[in-house]
């Protein structure tokens, strides 16, 4: 059985830290807490769960803080969580089973990360993230914001998921300020940095700037294909918000340059044609979403589960109704 060091970086997380650590249960054999400058009761809460608490001055670099937390670990694998993450009971059991069955030569374990939910708590947006990293493999976090570990070696996929549940909103401009500081200092930035910089601009509704940033990312030959597909979807949203309907549709088709059509892209094209009341075109693309759903691996990029079944089916009902095929719509 493998042993696990849970490594966390925290700051002013008194509202969620206990919830996170309680949810982990026996998954963690060691808990490492790195505090980057809390002014609330975060530290006293952490002391109820571990004596391994360290201070790390915040330097606008998430990778630096995560690498520091990993450097304090002593178990076989390092596991990372944010304070507003938690393990649901079924997923905690999956992680406990994983500890018993993980092949000993595994370097990285990728697990689902559920980050958005419907009103019933069902995930509507997920992605696979590196969750367990073999401590002695020499991996390092990279990226001042939206940090990640470049995967290599023996990679294992597991369905034990981490659920991201915010209680209060964070600072919406923090990540953008860090990126702009990097740019102003002339520090090297990766293609992945460019992608997430564009995402930050989009989230702040700076659509004109976001369009330009997504275009610059798509022109970078080093970008990951999954990020390029997502960039095309995001470019569509920005151009649509700007009233650039034709360019927005072209951005969706542009996603096909990087891999086979994904259900998310097909559904977005179908929705475009529904808004144009082009019912036959819309139906064709929702059928395509259902066909491509069987070809897409669950770990491909950013996943919107509704696009793999429920959404195209309900939209096909709408299209059939408007096309006069009431029987098909009802069935």
C-alpha atoms as a PDB file:
ATOM      1  CA  UNK A   1       0.000   0.000   0.000  1.00  0.00           C
ATOM      2  CA  UNK A   2       1.256   3.478  -0.862  1.00  0.00           C
ATOM      3  CA  UNK A   3       1.481   6.313   1.639  1.00  0.00           C
ATOM      4  CA  UNK A   4       0.256   9.846   0.901  1.00  0.00           C
ATOM      5  CA  UNK A   5       1.340  13.320   1.992  1.00  0.00           C
ATOM      6  CA  UNK A   6      -1.452  15.843   1.593  1.00  0.00           C
ATOM      7  CA  UNK A   7       0.228  19.133   0.665  1.00  0.00           C
ATOM      8  CA  UNK A   8      -1.820  22.340   0.835  1.00  0.00           C
ATOM      9  CA  UNK A   9      -1.123  26.041   0.455  1.00  0.00           C
ATOM     10  CA  UNK A  10      -3.607  28.253   2.304  1.00  0.00           C
ATOM     11  CA  UNK A  11      -4.383  31.834   3.184  1.00  0.00           C
ATOM     12  CA  UNK A  12      -7.397  33.089   5.142  1.00  0.00           C
ATOM     13  CA  UNK A  13      -9.329  29.841   4.725  1.00  0.00           C
ATOM     14  CA  UNK A  14     -11.069  29.623   8.110  1.00  0.00           C
ATOM     15  CA  UNK A  15     -14.447  29.047   6.447  1.00  0.00           C
ATOM     16  CA  UNK A  16     -13.474  25.924   4.509  1.00  0.00           C
ATOM     17  CA  UNK A  17     -10.231  24.382   5.816  1.00  0.00           C
ATOM     18  CA  UNK A  18     -11.826  22.145   8.455  1.00  0.00           C
ATOM     19  CA  UNK A  19     -14.403  20.922   5.933  1.00  0.00           C
ATOM     20  CA  UNK A  20     -11.620  19.962   3.540  1.00  0.00           C
ATOM     21  CA  UNK A  21      -9.464  18.184   6.083  1.00  0.00           C
ATOM     22  CA  UNK A  22     -12.416  16.333   7.631  1.00  0.00           C
ATOM     23  CA  UNK A  23     -13.412  15.057   4.197  1.00  0.00           C
ATOM     24  CA  UNK A  24      -9.972  13.578   3.535  1.00  0.00           C
ATOM     25  CA  UNK A  25     -10.144  11.151   6.448  1.00  0.00           C
ATOM     26  CA  UNK A  26      -7.616   8.326   6.257  1.00  0.00           C
ATOM     27  CA  UNK A  27      -6.546   9.121   2.696  1.00  0.00           C
ATOM     28  CA  UNK A  28      -3.675  11.272   3.997  1.00  0.00           C
ATOM     29  CA  UNK A  29      -0.928   9.671   6.072  1.00  0.00           C
ATOM     30  CA  UNK A  30       0.658  13.079   6.568  1.00  0.00           C
ATOM     31  CA  UNK A  31      -0.718  16.606   6.241  1.00  0.00           C
ATOM     32  CA  UNK A  32       1.506  19.508   5.191  1.00  0.00           C
ATOM     33  CA  UNK A  33       0.011  22.989   5.518  1.00  0.00           C
ATOM     34  CA  UNK A  34       1.864  25.959   4.026  1.00  0.00           C
ATOM     35  CA  UNK A  35       0.438  29.311   5.108  1.00  0.00           C
ATOM     36  CA  UNK A  36       1.155  32.226   2.772  1.00  0.00           C
ATOM     37  CA  UNK A  37       0.019  34.976   5.163  1.00  0.00           C
ATOM     38  CA  UNK A  38      -3.295  34.239   6.882  1.00  0.00           C
ATOM     39  CA  UNK A  39      -4.797  36.909   9.111  1.00  0.00           C
ATOM     40  CA  UNK A  40      -7.748  34.869  10.346  1.00  0.00           C
ATOM     41  CA  UNK A  41      -7.947  31.624  12.344  1.00  0.00           C
ATOM     42  CA  UNK A  42      -6.637  29.409   9.537  1.00  0.00           C
ATOM     43  CA  UNK A  43      -3.492  28.442  11.420  1.00  0.00           C
ATOM     44  CA  UNK A  44      -5.304  27.458  14.633  1.00  0.00           C
ATOM     45  CA  UNK A  45      -7.703  25.308  12.605  1.00  0.00           C
ATOM     46  CA  UNK A  46      -4.783  23.620  10.834  1.00  0.00           C
ATOM     47  CA  UNK A  47      -3.170  22.854  14.196  1.00  0.00           C
ATOM     48  CA  UNK A  48      -6.129  20.618  15.035  1.00  0.00           C
ATOM     49  CA  UNK A  49      -5.128  18.300  12.203  1.00  0.00           C
ATOM     50  CA  UNK A  50      -1.353  18.468  11.886  1.00  0.00           C
ATOM     51  CA  UNK A  51       1.839  19.782  13.426  1.00  0.00           C
ATOM     52  CA  UNK A  52       3.458  20.154   9.985  1.00  0.00           C
ATOM     53  CA  UNK A  53       2.636  23.839   9.422  1.00  0.00           C
ATOM     54  CA  UNK A  54       5.053  26.118   7.590  1.00  0.00           C
ATOM     55  CA  UNK A  55       5.125  29.774   6.592  1.00  0.00           C
ATOM     56  CA  UNK A  56       5.922  30.860   3.052  1.00  0.00           C
ATOM     57  CA  UNK A  57       5.944  34.564   2.138  1.00  0.00           C
ATOM     58  CA  UNK A  58       3.614  35.192  -0.792  1.00  0.00           C
ATOM     59  CA  UNK A  59       5.524  36.214  -3.928  1.00  0.00           C
ATOM     60  CA  UNK A  60       2.720  36.115  -6.539  1.00  0.00           C
ATOM     61  CA  UNK A  61       3.749  32.620  -7.620  1.00  0.00           C
ATOM     62  CA  UNK A  62       1.540  29.604  -6.922  1.00  0.00           C
ATOM     63  CA  UNK A  63       4.123  27.158  -8.268  1.00  0.00           C
ATOM     64  CA  UNK A  64       6.753  28.392  -5.841  1.00  0.00           C
ATOM     65  CA  UNK A  65       4.375  27.834  -2.924  1.00  0.00           C
ATOM     66  CA  UNK A  66       3.299  24.375  -4.128  1.00  0.00           C
ATOM     67  CA  UNK A  67       6.883  23.270  -4.727  1.00  0.00           C
ATOM     68  CA  UNK A  68       7.737  24.417  -1.202  1.00  0.00           C
ATOM     69  CA  UNK A  69       4.847  22.353   0.196  1.00  0.00           C
ATOM     70  CA  UNK A  70       5.995  19.273  -1.713  1.00  0.00           C
ATOM     71  CA  UNK A  71       9.532  19.750  -0.377  1.00  0.00           C
ATOM     72  CA  UNK A  72       8.215  19.186   3.146  1.00  0.00           C
ATOM     73  CA  UNK A  73       6.548  15.855   2.332  1.00  0.00           C
ATOM     74  CA  UNK A  74       7.997  12.498   3.406  1.00  0.00           C
ATOM     75  CA  UNK A  75       5.533   9.885   2.095  1.00  0.00           C
ATOM     76  CA  UNK A  76       5.479   7.956  -1.184  1.00  0.00           C
ATOM     77  CA  UNK A  77       3.115  10.319  -3.011  1.00  0.00           C
ATOM     78  CA  UNK A  78       2.236  13.980  -2.708  1.00  0.00           C
ATOM     79  CA  UNK A  79      -1.437  14.871  -3.053  1.00  0.00           C
ATOM     80  CA  UNK A  80      -2.564  18.460  -3.482  1.00  0.00           C
ATOM     81  CA  UNK A  81      -5.876  20.056  -2.576  1.00  0.00           C
ATOM     82  CA  UNK A  82      -7.074  23.630  -2.311  1.00  0.00           C
ATOM     83  CA  UNK A  83      -8.825  24.587   0.907  1.00  0.00           C
ATOM     84  CA  UNK A  84     -12.196  24.846  -0.837  1.00  0.00           C
ATOM     85  CA  UNK A  85     -11.878  21.325  -2.244  1.00  0.00           C
ATOM     86  CA  UNK A  86     -13.298  18.245  -0.582  1.00  0.00           C
ATOM     87  CA  UNK A  87     -13.682  14.519  -1.066  1.00  0.00           C
ATOM     88  CA  UNK A  88     -17.257  13.278  -1.136  1.00  0.00           C
ATOM     89  CA  UNK A  89     -17.716   9.999   0.796  1.00  0.00           C
ATOM     90  CA  UNK A  90     -17.807   7.798  -2.326  1.00  0.00           C
ATOM     91  CA  UNK A  91     -14.667   9.437  -3.675  1.00  0.00           C
ATOM     92  CA  UNK A  92     -12.872   9.095  -0.355  1.00  0.00           C
ATOM     93  CA  UNK A  93     -13.538   5.351  -0.561  1.00  0.00           C
ATOM     94  CA  UNK A  94     -12.163   5.310  -4.112  1.00  0.00           C
ATOM     95  CA  UNK A  95      -8.981   7.014  -2.941  1.00  0.00           C
ATOM     96  CA  UNK A  96      -8.610   4.516  -0.101  1.00  0.00           C
ATOM     97  CA  UNK A  97      -8.986   1.674  -2.593  1.00  0.00           C
ATOM     98  CA  UNK A  98      -6.457   3.359  -4.869  1.00  0.00           C
ATOM     99  CA  UNK A  99      -3.915   3.375  -2.045  1.00  0.00           C
ATOM    100  CA  UNK A 100      -4.267  -0.399  -1.864  1.00  0.00           C
ATOM    101  CA  UNK A 101      -4.129  -1.124  -5.606  1.00  0.00           C
ATOM    102  CA  UNK A 102      -1.951   1.540  -7.271  1.00  0.00           C
ATOM    103  CA  UNK A 103       0.881  -0.059  -9.284  1.00  0.00           C
ATOM    104  CA  UNK A 104       4.113   0.803  -7.455  1.00  0.00           C
ATOM    105  CA  UNK A 105       5.830   2.145 -10.587  1.00  0.00           C
ATOM    106  CA  UNK A 106       3.189   4.875 -11.116  1.00  0.00           C
ATOM    107  CA  UNK A 107       4.583   8.396 -11.424  1.00  0.00           C
ATOM    108  CA  UNK A 108       1.406  10.495 -11.658  1.00  0.00           C
ATOM    109  CA  UNK A 109      -2.255   9.751 -10.988  1.00  0.00           C
ATOM    110  CA  UNK A 110      -4.831  11.834 -12.866  1.00  0.00           C
ATOM    111  CA  UNK A 111      -8.278  12.197 -11.299  1.00  0.00           C
ATOM    112  CA  UNK A 112     -11.460  14.100 -12.196  1.00  0.00           C
ATOM    113  CA  UNK A 113     -11.767  17.606 -10.796  1.00  0.00           C
ATOM    114  CA  UNK A 114     -15.397  18.760 -10.611  1.00  0.00           C
ATOM    115  CA  UNK A 115     -15.555  22.552 -10.582  1.00  0.00           C
ATOM    116  CA  UNK A 116     -19.116  23.555 -11.579  1.00  0.00           C
ATOM    117  CA  UNK A 117     -22.479  22.047 -10.671  1.00  0.00           C
ATOM    118  CA  UNK A 118     -26.175  22.293 -11.411  1.00  0.00           C
ATOM    119  CA  UNK A 119     -28.780  23.052  -8.768  1.00  0.00           C
ATOM    120  CA  UNK A 120     -28.861  19.369  -7.803  1.00  0.00           C
ATOM    121  CA  UNK A 121     -25.119  19.251  -7.239  1.00  0.00           C
ATOM    122  CA  UNK A 122     -24.408  17.221 -10.375  1.00  0.00           C
ATOM    123  CA  UNK A 123     -21.112  18.207 -12.061  1.00  0.00           C
ATOM    124  CA  UNK A 124     -21.528  20.165 -15.288  1.00  0.00           C
ATOM    125  CA  UNK A 125     -17.852  21.001 -15.812  1.00  0.00           C
ATOM    126  CA  UNK A 126     -14.870  18.771 -15.079  1.00  0.00           C
ATOM    127  CA  UNK A 127     -11.316  18.146 -16.118  1.00  0.00           C
ATOM    128  CA  UNK A 128      -8.671  15.583 -15.219  1.00  0.00           C
ATOM    129  CA  UNK A 129      -5.851  16.925 -13.064  1.00  0.00           C
ATOM    130  CA  UNK A 130      -2.614  15.523 -11.722  1.00  0.00           C
ATOM    131  CA  UNK A 131      -3.618  14.604  -8.172  1.00  0.00           C
ATOM    132  CA  UNK A 132      -1.030  12.157  -6.814  1.00  0.00           C
ATOM    133  CA  UNK A 133       2.618  12.698  -7.735  1.00  0.00           C
ATOM    134  CA  UNK A 134       5.404  10.322  -6.781  1.00  0.00           C
ATOM    135  CA  UNK A 135       7.556  12.311  -4.382  1.00  0.00           C
ATOM    136  CA  UNK A 136      10.940  11.043  -5.593  1.00  0.00           C
ATOM    137  CA  UNK A 137      10.184  11.446  -9.319  1.00  0.00           C
ATOM    138  CA  UNK A 138      11.522  15.010  -9.427  1.00  0.00           C
ATOM    139  CA  UNK A 139       8.425  16.735 -10.771  1.00  0.00           C
ATOM    140  CA  UNK A 140       8.033  20.489 -10.286  1.00  0.00           C
ATOM    141  CA  UNK A 141       5.055  22.785 -10.523  1.00  0.00           C
ATOM    142  CA  UNK A 142       5.282  25.384 -13.286  1.00  0.00           C
ATOM    143  CA  UNK A 143       3.346  28.588 -13.858  1.00  0.00           C
ATOM    144  CA  UNK A 144       2.807  31.525 -11.510  1.00  0.00           C
ATOM    145  CA  UNK A 145      -0.967  31.113 -11.941  1.00  0.00           C
ATOM    146  CA  UNK A 146      -3.009  28.041 -12.926  1.00  0.00           C
ATOM    147  CA  UNK A 147       0.073  26.043 -12.074  1.00  0.00           C
ATOM    148  CA  UNK A 148       0.524  22.513 -13.394  1.00  0.00           C
ATOM    149  CA  UNK A 149       2.995  19.650 -13.572  1.00  0.00           C
ATOM    150  CA  UNK A 150       4.078  18.504 -17.018  1.00  0.00           C
ATOM    151  CA  UNK A 151       3.159  14.804 -17.071  1.00  0.00           C
ATOM    152  CA  UNK A 152       5.651  12.120 -17.998  1.00  0.00           C
ATOM    153  CA  UNK A 153       6.592   8.616 -16.977  1.00  0.00           C
ATOM    154  CA  UNK A 154       3.978   6.073 -15.942  1.00  0.00           C
ATOM    155  CA  UNK A 155       0.594   7.789 -15.800  1.00  0.00           C
ATOM    156  CA  UNK A 156      -2.470   6.248 -14.174  1.00  0.00           C
ATOM    157  CA  UNK A 157      -6.089   7.407 -14.455  1.00  0.00           C
ATOM    158  CA  UNK A 158      -8.479   6.993 -11.573  1.00  0.00           C
ATOM    159  CA  UNK A 159     -12.164   7.901 -11.146  1.00  0.00           C
ATOM    160  CA  UNK A 160     -11.718   9.113  -7.555  1.00  0.00           C
ATOM    161  CA  UNK A 161     -12.836  12.718  -7.944  1.00  0.00           C
ATOM    162  CA  UNK A 162     -12.116  15.935  -6.080  1.00  0.00           C
ATOM    163  CA  UNK A 163     -15.015  18.358  -5.686  1.00  0.00           C
ATOM    164  CA  UNK A 164     -14.365  22.111  -5.724  1.00  0.00           C
ATOM    165  CA  UNK A 165     -16.930  23.956  -3.578  1.00  0.00           C
ATOM    166  CA  UNK A 166     -16.412  27.669  -3.019  1.00  0.00           C
ATOM    167  CA  UNK A 167     -18.251  29.327  -0.152  1.00  0.00           C
ATOM    168  CA  UNK A 168     -17.215  32.897  -0.849  1.00  0.00           C
ATOM    169  CA  UNK A 169     -15.907  34.571  -4.005  1.00  0.00           C
ATOM    170  CA  UNK A 170     -12.198  35.175  -4.303  1.00  0.00           C
ATOM    171  CA  UNK A 171     -10.430  38.245  -5.619  1.00  0.00           C
ATOM    172  CA  UNK A 172     -11.584  38.325  -9.280  1.00  0.00           C
ATOM    173  CA  UNK A 173      -8.645  40.401 -10.471  1.00  0.00           C
ATOM    174  CA  UNK A 174      -5.821  38.640  -8.610  1.00  0.00           C
ATOM    175  CA  UNK A 175      -4.749  36.248 -11.362  1.00  0.00           C
ATOM    176  CA  UNK A 176      -4.881  38.928 -14.035  1.00  0.00           C
ATOM    177  CA  UNK A 177      -2.684  41.209 -11.922  1.00  0.00           C
ATOM    178  CA  UNK A 178      -0.110  38.429 -11.552  1.00  0.00           C
ATOM    179  CA  UNK A 179      -0.063  37.828 -15.313  1.00  0.00           C
ATOM    180  CA  UNK A 180       0.248  41.510 -16.112  1.00  0.00           C
ATOM    181  CA  UNK A 181       3.105  41.762 -13.628  1.00  0.00           C
ATOM    182  CA  UNK A 182       4.874  38.901 -15.446  1.00  0.00           C
ATOM    183  CA  UNK A 183       4.420  40.642 -18.779  1.00  0.00           C
ATOM    184  CA  UNK A 184       5.555  44.038 -17.475  1.00  0.00           C
ATOM    185  CA  UNK A 185       8.722  42.498 -16.017  1.00  0.00           C
ATOM    186  CA  UNK A 186       9.519  40.788 -19.303  1.00  0.00           C
ATOM    187  CA  UNK A 187       9.602  37.362 -17.693  1.00  0.00           C
ATOM    188  CA  UNK A 188       9.200  34.345 -19.989  1.00  0.00           C
ATOM    189  CA  UNK A 189       5.645  33.047 -20.311  1.00  0.00           C
ATOM    190  CA  UNK A 190       4.510  29.725 -21.698  1.00  0.00           C
ATOM    191  CA  UNK A 191       1.763  29.014 -24.220  1.00  0.00           C
ATOM    192  CA  UNK A 192      -0.302  27.713 -21.310  1.00  0.00           C
ATOM    193  CA  UNK A 193       0.152  31.072 -19.548  1.00  0.00           C
ATOM    194  CA  UNK A 194      -1.164  32.836 -22.640  1.00  0.00           C
ATOM    195  CA  UNK A 195      -4.237  30.602 -22.690  1.00  0.00           C
ATOM    196  CA  UNK A 196      -5.115  31.247 -19.066  1.00  0.00           C
ATOM    197  CA  UNK A 197      -4.364  34.954 -19.382  1.00  0.00           C
ATOM    198  CA  UNK A 198      -6.982  35.099 -22.132  1.00  0.00           C
ATOM    199  CA  UNK A 199      -9.379  33.164 -19.893  1.00  0.00           C
ATOM    200  CA  UNK A 200      -8.922  35.700 -17.107  1.00  0.00           C
ATOM    201  CA  UNK A 201      -9.715  38.543 -19.509  1.00  0.00           C
ATOM    202  CA  UNK A 202     -12.843  36.706 -20.663  1.00  0.00           C
ATOM    203  CA  UNK A 203     -14.008  36.057 -17.093  1.00  0.00           C
ATOM    204  CA  UNK A 204     -13.680  39.772 -16.367  1.00  0.00           C
ATOM    205  CA  UNK A 205     -15.762  40.491 -19.518  1.00  0.00           C
ATOM    206  CA  UNK A 206     -12.924  42.300 -21.253  1.00  0.00           C
ATOM    207  CA  UNK A 207     -13.991  40.629 -24.474  1.00  0.00           C
ATOM    208  CA  UNK A 208     -12.024  42.680 -27.009  1.00  0.00           C
ATOM    209  CA  UNK A 209      -8.764  42.073 -25.146  1.00  0.00           C
ATOM    210  CA  UNK A 210      -9.679  38.413 -24.628  1.00  0.00           C
ATOM    211  CA  UNK A 211     -10.229  37.891 -28.364  1.00  0.00           C
ATOM    212  CA  UNK A 212      -6.775  39.272 -29.111  1.00  0.00           C
ATOM    213  CA  UNK A 213      -5.205  37.146 -26.365  1.00  0.00           C
ATOM    214  CA  UNK A 214      -6.889  33.945 -27.549  1.00  0.00           C
ATOM    215  CA  UNK A 215      -5.721  34.664 -31.107  1.00  0.00           C
ATOM    216  CA  UNK A 216      -2.139  35.099 -29.912  1.00  0.00           C
ATOM    217  CA  UNK A 217      -2.360  31.812 -28.037  1.00  0.00           C
ATOM    218  CA  UNK A 218      -3.753  29.971 -31.067  1.00  0.00           C
ATOM    219  CA  UNK A 219      -0.854  31.274 -33.164  1.00  0.00           C
ATOM    220  CA  UNK A 220       1.651  29.767 -30.709  1.00  0.00           C
ATOM    221  CA  UNK A 221       2.771  26.363 -32.070  1.00  0.00           C
ATOM    222  CA  UNK A 222       3.620  25.176 -28.556  1.00  0.00           C
ATOM    223  CA  UNK A 223       0.084  25.261 -27.211  1.00  0.00           C
ATOM    224  CA  UNK A 224      -1.512  22.024 -25.983  1.00  0.00           C
ATOM    225  CA  UNK A 225      -4.218  20.825 -28.392  1.00  0.00           C
ATOM    226  CA  UNK A 226      -6.793  20.549 -25.589  1.00  0.00           C
ATOM    227  CA  UNK A 227      -6.196  24.174 -24.635  1.00  0.00           C
ATOM    228  CA  UNK A 228      -6.520  25.175 -28.297  1.00  0.00           C
ATOM    229  CA  UNK A 229      -9.885  23.445 -28.579  1.00  0.00           C
ATOM    230  CA  UNK A 230     -11.060  25.183 -25.426  1.00  0.00           C
ATOM    231  CA  UNK A 231      -9.637  28.486 -26.715  1.00  0.00           C
ATOM    232  CA  UNK A 232     -11.826  28.180 -29.818  1.00  0.00           C
ATOM    233  CA  UNK A 233     -14.894  27.626 -27.642  1.00  0.00           C
ATOM    234  CA  UNK A 234     -13.973  30.613 -25.497  1.00  0.00           C
ATOM    235  CA  UNK A 235     -13.241  32.734 -28.556  1.00  0.00           C
ATOM    236  CA  UNK A 236     -16.750  31.890 -29.762  1.00  0.00           C
ATOM    237  CA  UNK A 237     -18.224  33.151 -26.474  1.00  0.00           C
ATOM    238  CA  UNK A 238     -16.262  36.395 -26.606  1.00  0.00           C
ATOM    239  CA  UNK A 239     -17.087  37.123 -30.245  1.00  0.00           C
ATOM    240  CA  UNK A 240     -20.736  36.302 -29.640  1.00  0.00           C
ATOM    241  CA  UNK A 241     -20.801  38.746 -26.715  1.00  0.00           C
ATOM    242  CA  UNK A 242     -19.340  41.356 -29.071  1.00  0.00           C
ATOM    243  CA  UNK A 243     -22.042  40.677 -31.673  1.00  0.00           C
ATOM    244  CA  UNK A 244     -19.570  39.095 -34.099  1.00  0.00           C
ATOM    245  CA  UNK A 245     -21.875  36.214 -35.047  1.00  0.00           C
ATOM    246  CA  UNK A 246     -20.140  35.021 -38.197  1.00  0.00           C
ATOM    247  CA  UNK A 247     -16.642  35.148 -36.695  1.00  0.00           C
ATOM    248  CA  UNK A 248     -17.933  33.315 -33.629  1.00  0.00           C
ATOM    249  CA  UNK A 249     -19.220  30.413 -35.716  1.00  0.00           C
ATOM    250  CA  UNK A 250     -15.929  30.263 -37.608  1.00  0.00           C
ATOM    251  CA  UNK A 251     -14.101  29.962 -34.290  1.00  0.00           C
ATOM    252  CA  UNK A 252     -16.093  26.827 -33.444  1.00  0.00           C
ATOM    253  CA  UNK A 253     -15.199  25.183 -36.757  1.00  0.00           C
ATOM    254  CA  UNK A 254     -11.591  26.188 -36.145  1.00  0.00           C
ATOM    255  CA  UNK A 255     -11.545  23.752 -33.204  1.00  0.00           C
ATOM    256  CA  UNK A 256     -11.659  20.871 -35.703  1.00  0.00           C
ATOM    257  CA  UNK A 257      -8.101  21.734 -36.750  1.00  0.00           C
ATOM    258  CA  UNK A 258      -6.765  20.326 -33.488  1.00  0.00           C
ATOM    259  CA  UNK A 259      -8.557  16.987 -33.079  1.00  0.00           C
ATOM    260  CA  UNK A 260     -11.741  15.127 -33.924  1.00  0.00           C
ATOM    261  CA  UNK A 261     -14.978  17.005 -33.147  1.00  0.00           C
ATOM    262  CA  UNK A 262     -15.896  17.022 -29.477  1.00  0.00           C
ATOM    263  CA  UNK A 263     -19.474  16.984 -28.125  1.00  0.00           C
ATOM    264  CA  UNK A 264     -18.919  20.376 -26.494  1.00  0.00           C
ATOM    265  CA  UNK A 265     -18.092  21.963 -29.868  1.00  0.00           C
ATOM    266  CA  UNK A 266     -20.919  20.198 -31.706  1.00  0.00           C
ATOM    267  CA  UNK A 267     -23.445  21.334 -29.105  1.00  0.00           C
ATOM    268  CA  UNK A 268     -22.215  24.919 -29.337  1.00  0.00           C
ATOM    269  CA  UNK A 269     -22.643  24.838 -33.138  1.00  0.00           C
ATOM    270  CA  UNK A 270     -26.087  23.291 -32.729  1.00  0.00           C
ATOM    271  CA  UNK A 271     -27.084  26.002 -30.266  1.00  0.00           C
ATOM    272  CA  UNK A 272     -25.908  28.646 -32.731  1.00  0.00           C
ATOM    273  CA  UNK A 273     -28.248  27.268 -35.386  1.00  0.00           C
ATOM    274  CA  UNK A 274     -31.136  27.015 -32.899  1.00  0.00           C
ATOM    275  CA  UNK A 275     -30.746  30.721 -32.247  1.00  0.00           C
ATOM    276  CA  UNK A 276     -30.858  31.250 -36.020  1.00  0.00           C
ATOM    277  CA  UNK A 277     -33.969  29.006 -36.164  1.00  0.00           C
ATOM    278  CA  UNK A 278     -32.122  26.816 -38.670  1.00  0.00           C
ATOM    279  CA  UNK A 279     -33.673  23.678 -37.224  1.00  0.00           C
ATOM    280  CA  UNK A 280     -32.313  21.103 -39.707  1.00  0.00           C
ATOM    281  CA  UNK A 281     -28.749  22.379 -39.320  1.00  0.00           C
ATOM    282  CA  UNK A 282     -29.120  22.431 -35.567  1.00  0.00           C
ATOM    283  CA  UNK A 283     -30.440  18.857 -35.468  1.00  0.00           C
ATOM    284  CA  UNK A 284     -27.510  17.648 -37.598  1.00  0.00           C
ATOM    285  CA  UNK A 285     -25.011  19.016 -35.100  1.00  0.00           C
ATOM    286  CA  UNK A 286     -26.789  17.627 -32.057  1.00  0.00           C
ATOM    287  CA  UNK A 287     -26.804  14.199 -33.719  1.00  0.00           C
ATOM    288  CA  UNK A 288     -23.081  14.731 -34.342  1.00  0.00           C
ATOM    289  CA  UNK A 289     -22.584  15.473 -30.642  1.00  0.00           C
ATOM    290  CA  UNK A 290     -24.115  12.110 -29.751  1.00  0.00           C
ATOM    291  CA  UNK A 291     -21.977  10.284 -32.313  1.00  0.00           C
ATOM    292  CA  UNK A 292     -18.743  11.943 -31.206  1.00  0.00           C
ATOM    293  CA  UNK A 293     -19.522  11.320 -27.530  1.00  0.00           C
ATOM    294  CA  UNK A 294     -18.513   7.702 -27.997  1.00  0.00           C
ATOM    295  CA  UNK A 295     -15.182   8.694 -29.538  1.00  0.00           C
ATOM    296  CA  UNK A 296     -14.062  11.155 -26.882  1.00  0.00           C
ATOM    297  CA  UNK A 297     -12.051   9.790 -23.985  1.00  0.00           C
ATOM    298  CA  UNK A 298     -13.363  10.869 -20.571  1.00  0.00           C
ATOM    299  CA  UNK A 299     -10.026  12.527 -19.872  1.00  0.00           C
ATOM    300  CA  UNK A 300      -9.932  14.685 -22.969  1.00  0.00           C
ATOM    301  CA  UNK A 301      -9.590  18.319 -21.971  1.00  0.00           C
ATOM    302  CA  UNK A 302     -12.379  20.218 -20.242  1.00  0.00           C
ATOM    303  CA  UNK A 303     -15.514  18.106 -19.951  1.00  0.00           C
ATOM    304  CA  UNK A 304     -19.112  19.336 -19.978  1.00  0.00           C
ATOM    305  CA  UNK A 305     -20.966  16.083 -19.185  1.00  0.00           C
ATOM    306  CA  UNK A 306     -24.370  17.398 -20.333  1.00  0.00           C
ATOM    307  CA  UNK A 307     -23.024  17.565 -23.894  1.00  0.00           C
ATOM    308  CA  UNK A 308     -22.494  13.790 -23.893  1.00  0.00           C
ATOM    309  CA  UNK A 309     -26.175  12.879 -23.601  1.00  0.00           C
ATOM    310  CA  UNK A 310     -28.859  14.980 -21.969  1.00  0.00           C
ATOM    311  CA  UNK A 311     -28.302  18.286 -23.788  1.00  0.00           C
ATOM    312  CA  UNK A 312     -28.206  17.011 -27.402  1.00  0.00           C
ATOM    313  CA  UNK A 313     -31.212  14.770 -26.758  1.00  0.00           C
ATOM    314  CA  UNK A 314     -33.365  17.576 -25.371  1.00  0.00           C
ATOM    315  CA  UNK A 315     -32.311  19.917 -28.153  1.00  0.00           C
ATOM    316  CA  UNK A 316     -33.153  17.280 -30.746  1.00  0.00           C
ATOM    317  CA  UNK A 317     -36.645  17.235 -29.240  1.00  0.00           C
ATOM    318  CA  UNK A 318     -36.850  20.985 -29.770  1.00  0.00           C
ATOM    319  CA  UNK A 319     -35.616  20.722 -33.356  1.00  0.00           C
ATOM    320  CA  UNK A 320     -37.991  17.866 -34.207  1.00  0.00           C
ATOM    321  CA  UNK A 321     -40.941  19.809 -32.806  1.00  0.00           C
ATOM    322  CA  UNK A 322     -40.151  22.850 -34.927  1.00  0.00           C
ATOM    323  CA  UNK A 323     -39.633  20.675 -37.994  1.00  0.00           C
ATOM    324  CA  UNK A 324     -43.151  19.308 -37.575  1.00  0.00           C
ATOM    325  CA  UNK A 325     -42.111  15.828 -36.449  1.00  0.00           C
ATOM    326  CA  UNK A 326     -44.073  15.867 -33.212  1.00  0.00           C
ATOM    327  CA  UNK A 327     -43.921  12.085 -32.796  1.00  0.00           C
ATOM    328  CA  UNK A 328     -40.118  12.053 -32.853  1.00  0.00           C
ATOM    329  CA  UNK A 329     -40.012  15.022 -30.480  1.00  0.00           C
ATOM    330  CA  UNK A 330     -42.213  13.248 -27.941  1.00  0.00           C
ATOM    331  CA  UNK A 331     -40.333   9.956 -28.226  1.00  0.00           C
END
